[in-house]
Amino acid sequence: MEAFLEVMGLLVLRLGVPLVITLLISAWLTKLDQKWHDAEIARQTRVLPTHDAPHCWEIVGCDPAKRDSCPAYQMRPVPCWLARQRLSGRVQQQCFDCLVFQTA
């Protein structure tokens, strides 16, 4: 009986310790991932300081109906190129030649 308990104790030690270590590391990595995720969301949603550059709808001359459905108009004071980047994940090609983008 004593040998059985000794084998069971070693088995628990052999399997339990690595399992506990793995669970602790997993919990720590989950917290770290959440911290990084929160930092990225905060970075993406921060409002940039406004500047005196004209708005894109003023440069392009959008009519009010088109302007009201435009993400750049809805997300002001965020610059138009940044509003489009947040929606599509990249800066649009047409932004590189725009005065608003070049003065940012």
C-alpha atoms as a PDB file:
ATOM      1  CA  MET A   1       0.000   0.000   0.000  1.00  0.00           C
ATOM      2  CA  GLU A   2       2.818   2.351   0.829  1.00  0.00           C
ATOM      3  CA  ALA A   3       4.415   1.734  -2.569  1.00  0.00           C
ATOM      4  CA  PHE A   4       1.114   2.530  -4.295  1.00  0.00           C
ATOM      5  CA  LEU A   5       0.816   5.859  -2.474  1.00  0.00           C
ATOM      6  CA  GLU A   6       4.421   6.648  -3.324  1.00  0.00           C
ATOM      7  CA  VAL A   7       3.818   5.941  -7.025  1.00  0.00           C
ATOM      8  CA  MET A   8       0.614   8.007  -7.003  1.00  0.00           C
ATOM      9  CA  GLY A   9       2.412  10.899  -5.298  1.00  0.00           C
ATOM     10  CA  LEU A  10       5.165  10.835  -7.897  1.00  0.00           C
ATOM     11  CA  LEU A  11       2.586  10.612 -10.672  1.00  0.00           C
ATOM     12  CA  VAL A  12       0.768  13.663  -9.334  1.00  0.00           C
ATOM     13  CA  LEU A  13       4.092  15.451  -9.001  1.00  0.00           C
ATOM     14  CA  ARG A  14       5.144  14.436 -12.528  1.00  0.00           C
ATOM     15  CA  LEU A  15       1.839  15.515 -14.139  1.00  0.00           C
ATOM     16  CA  GLY A  16       0.483  18.135 -11.746  1.00  0.00           C
ATOM     17  CA  VAL A  17       3.452  20.496 -11.505  1.00  0.00           C
ATOM     18  CA  PRO A  18       3.864  20.992 -15.280  1.00  0.00           C
ATOM     19  CA  LEU A  19       0.091  21.379 -15.595  1.00  0.00           C
ATOM     20  CA  VAL A  20      -0.008  24.083 -12.919  1.00  0.00           C
ATOM     21  CA  ILE A  21       2.977  25.870 -14.475  1.00  0.00           C
ATOM     22  CA  THR A  22       1.300  25.726 -17.896  1.00  0.00           C
ATOM     23  CA  LEU A  23      -1.947  27.145 -16.495  1.00  0.00           C
ATOM     24  CA  LEU A  24      -0.108  29.978 -14.737  1.00  0.00           C
ATOM     25  CA  ILE A  25       1.815  30.887 -17.885  1.00  0.00           C
ATOM     26  CA  SER A  26      -1.392  30.746 -19.910  1.00  0.00           C
ATOM     27  CA  ALA A  27      -3.162  33.087 -17.478  1.00  0.00           C
ATOM     28  CA  TRP A  28      -0.211  35.499 -17.541  1.00  0.00           C
ATOM     29  CA  LEU A  29      -0.117  35.499 -21.360  1.00  0.00           C
ATOM     30  CA  THR A  30      -3.861  36.128 -21.507  1.00  0.00           C
ATOM     31  CA  LYS A  31      -3.485  39.175 -19.239  1.00  0.00           C
ATOM     32  CA  LEU A  32      -0.548  40.407 -21.323  1.00  0.00           C
ATOM     33  CA  ASP A  33      -2.526  39.983 -24.538  1.00  0.00           C
ATOM     34  CA  GLN A  34      -5.462  41.913 -23.068  1.00  0.00           C
ATOM     35  CA  LYS A  35      -3.114  44.695 -21.968  1.00  0.00           C
ATOM     36  CA  TRP A  36      -1.652  44.938 -25.485  1.00  0.00           C
ATOM     37  CA  HIS A  37      -5.131  44.858 -27.013  1.00  0.00           C
ATOM     38  CA  ASP A  38      -6.349  47.665 -24.744  1.00  0.00           C
ATOM     39  CA  ALA A  39      -3.259  49.737 -25.551  1.00  0.00           C
ATOM     40  CA  GLU A  40      -3.838  49.292 -29.288  1.00  0.00           C
ATOM     41  CA  ILE A  41      -7.499  50.271 -29.010  1.00  0.00           C
ATOM     42  CA  ALA A  42      -6.500  53.358 -27.014  1.00  0.00           C
ATOM     43  CA  ARG A  43      -3.887  54.220 -29.640  1.00  0.00           C
ATOM     44  CA  GLN A  44      -6.359  53.830 -32.493  1.00  0.00           C
ATOM     45  CA  THR A  45      -9.109  55.838 -30.863  1.00  0.00           C
ATOM     46  CA  ARG A  46      -7.094  58.761 -29.575  1.00  0.00           C
ATOM     47  CA  VAL A  47      -8.022  62.056 -31.126  1.00  0.00           C
ATOM     48  CA  LEU A  48      -5.227  63.754 -32.965  1.00  0.00           C
ATOM     49  CA  PRO A  49      -4.711  67.439 -32.433  1.00  0.00           C
ATOM     50  CA  THR A  50      -6.589  69.497 -34.939  1.00  0.00           C
ATOM     51  CA  HIS A  51      -4.743  71.694 -37.351  1.00  0.00           C
ATOM     52  CA  ASP A  52      -5.713  74.436 -39.733  1.00  0.00           C
ATOM     53  CA  ALA A  53      -5.718  72.264 -42.850  1.00  0.00           C
ATOM     54  CA  PRO A  54      -8.973  72.231 -44.807  1.00  0.00           C
ATOM     55  CA  HIS A  55     -11.272  69.251 -44.536  1.00  0.00           C
ATOM     56  CA  CYS A  56     -11.395  66.832 -47.439  1.00  0.00           C
ATOM     57  CA  TRP A  57     -15.084  67.488 -48.134  1.00  0.00           C
ATOM     58  CA  GLU A  58     -14.181  71.152 -48.588  1.00  0.00           C
ATOM     59  CA  ILE A  59     -11.392  70.293 -51.030  1.00  0.00           C
ATOM     60  CA  VAL A  60     -13.379  67.734 -53.015  1.00  0.00           C
ATOM     61  CA  GLY A  61     -16.587  69.760 -52.830  1.00  0.00           C
ATOM     62  CA  CYS A  62     -18.887  66.968 -51.704  1.00  0.00           C
ATOM     63  CA  ASP A  63     -22.595  67.654 -51.687  1.00  0.00           C
ATOM     64  CA  PRO A  64     -24.270  67.459 -48.243  1.00  0.00           C
ATOM     65  CA  ALA A  65     -25.996  64.119 -48.934  1.00  0.00           C
ATOM     66  CA  LYS A  66     -22.730  62.420 -49.873  1.00  0.00           C
ATOM     67  CA  ARG A  67     -20.854  64.146 -47.058  1.00  0.00           C
ATOM     68  CA  ASP A  68     -23.272  62.928 -44.377  1.00  0.00           C
ATOM     69  CA  SER A  69     -22.591  59.277 -45.282  1.00  0.00           C
ATOM     70  CA  CYS A  70     -18.817  59.765 -45.478  1.00  0.00           C
ATOM     71  CA  PRO A  71     -16.753  58.178 -42.673  1.00  0.00           C
ATOM     72  CA  ALA A  72     -14.350  61.130 -42.677  1.00  0.00           C
ATOM     73  CA  TYR A  73     -17.214  63.533 -41.998  1.00  0.00           C
ATOM     74  CA  GLN A  74     -18.730  61.277 -39.340  1.00  0.00           C
ATOM     75  CA  MET A  75     -15.410  60.807 -37.496  1.00  0.00           C
ATOM     76  CA  ARG A  76     -14.319  64.440 -37.437  1.00  0.00           C
ATOM     77  CA  PRO A  77     -12.051  65.926 -36.036  1.00  0.00           C
ATOM     78  CA  VAL A  78     -10.028  62.859 -37.052  1.00  0.00           C
ATOM     79  CA  PRO A  79      -8.363  63.557 -40.411  1.00  0.00           C
ATOM     80  CA  CYS A  80     -10.119  61.949 -43.367  1.00  0.00           C
ATOM     81  CA  TRP A  81      -7.188  59.707 -44.320  1.00  0.00           C
ATOM     82  CA  LEU A  82      -7.019  58.349 -40.764  1.00  0.00           C
ATOM     83  CA  ALA A  83     -10.770  57.719 -40.674  1.00  0.00           C
ATOM     84  CA  ARG A  84     -10.522  55.728 -43.913  1.00  0.00           C
ATOM     85  CA  GLN A  85      -7.476  53.860 -42.601  1.00  0.00           C
ATOM     86  CA  ARG A  86      -9.326  52.846 -39.433  1.00  0.00           C
ATOM     87  CA  LEU A  87     -12.167  51.414 -41.511  1.00  0.00           C
ATOM     88  CA  SER A  88     -10.180  49.640 -44.220  1.00  0.00           C
ATOM     89  CA  GLY A  89      -6.895  49.005 -42.420  1.00  0.00           C
ATOM     90  CA  ARG A  90      -4.762  50.976 -44.872  1.00  0.00           C
ATOM     91  CA  VAL A  91      -4.370  54.453 -46.256  1.00  0.00           C
ATOM     92  CA  GLN A  92      -6.133  54.819 -49.602  1.00  0.00           C
ATOM     93  CA  GLN A  93      -3.951  55.486 -52.653  1.00  0.00           C
ATOM     94  CA  GLN A  94      -5.801  58.718 -53.448  1.00  0.00           C
ATOM     95  CA  CYS A  95      -4.816  60.106 -50.026  1.00  0.00           C
ATOM     96  CA  PHE A  96      -1.128  60.315 -50.918  1.00  0.00           C
ATOM     97  CA  ASP A  97      -1.775  63.163 -53.363  1.00  0.00           C
ATOM     98  CA  CYS A  98      -4.280  64.992 -51.139  1.00  0.00           C
ATOM     99  CA  LEU A  99      -3.457  68.262 -49.381  1.00  0.00           C
ATOM    100  CA  VAL A 100      -5.011  67.078 -46.116  1.00  0.00           C
ATOM    101  CA  PHE A 101      -2.737  64.026 -45.984  1.00  0.00           C
ATOM    102  CA  GLN A 102       0.367  65.942 -47.027  1.00  0.00           C
ATOM    103  CA  THR A 103      -0.096  68.617 -44.367  1.00  0.00           C
ATOM    104  CA  ALA A 104      -0.696  66.112 -41.551  1.00  0.00           C
END
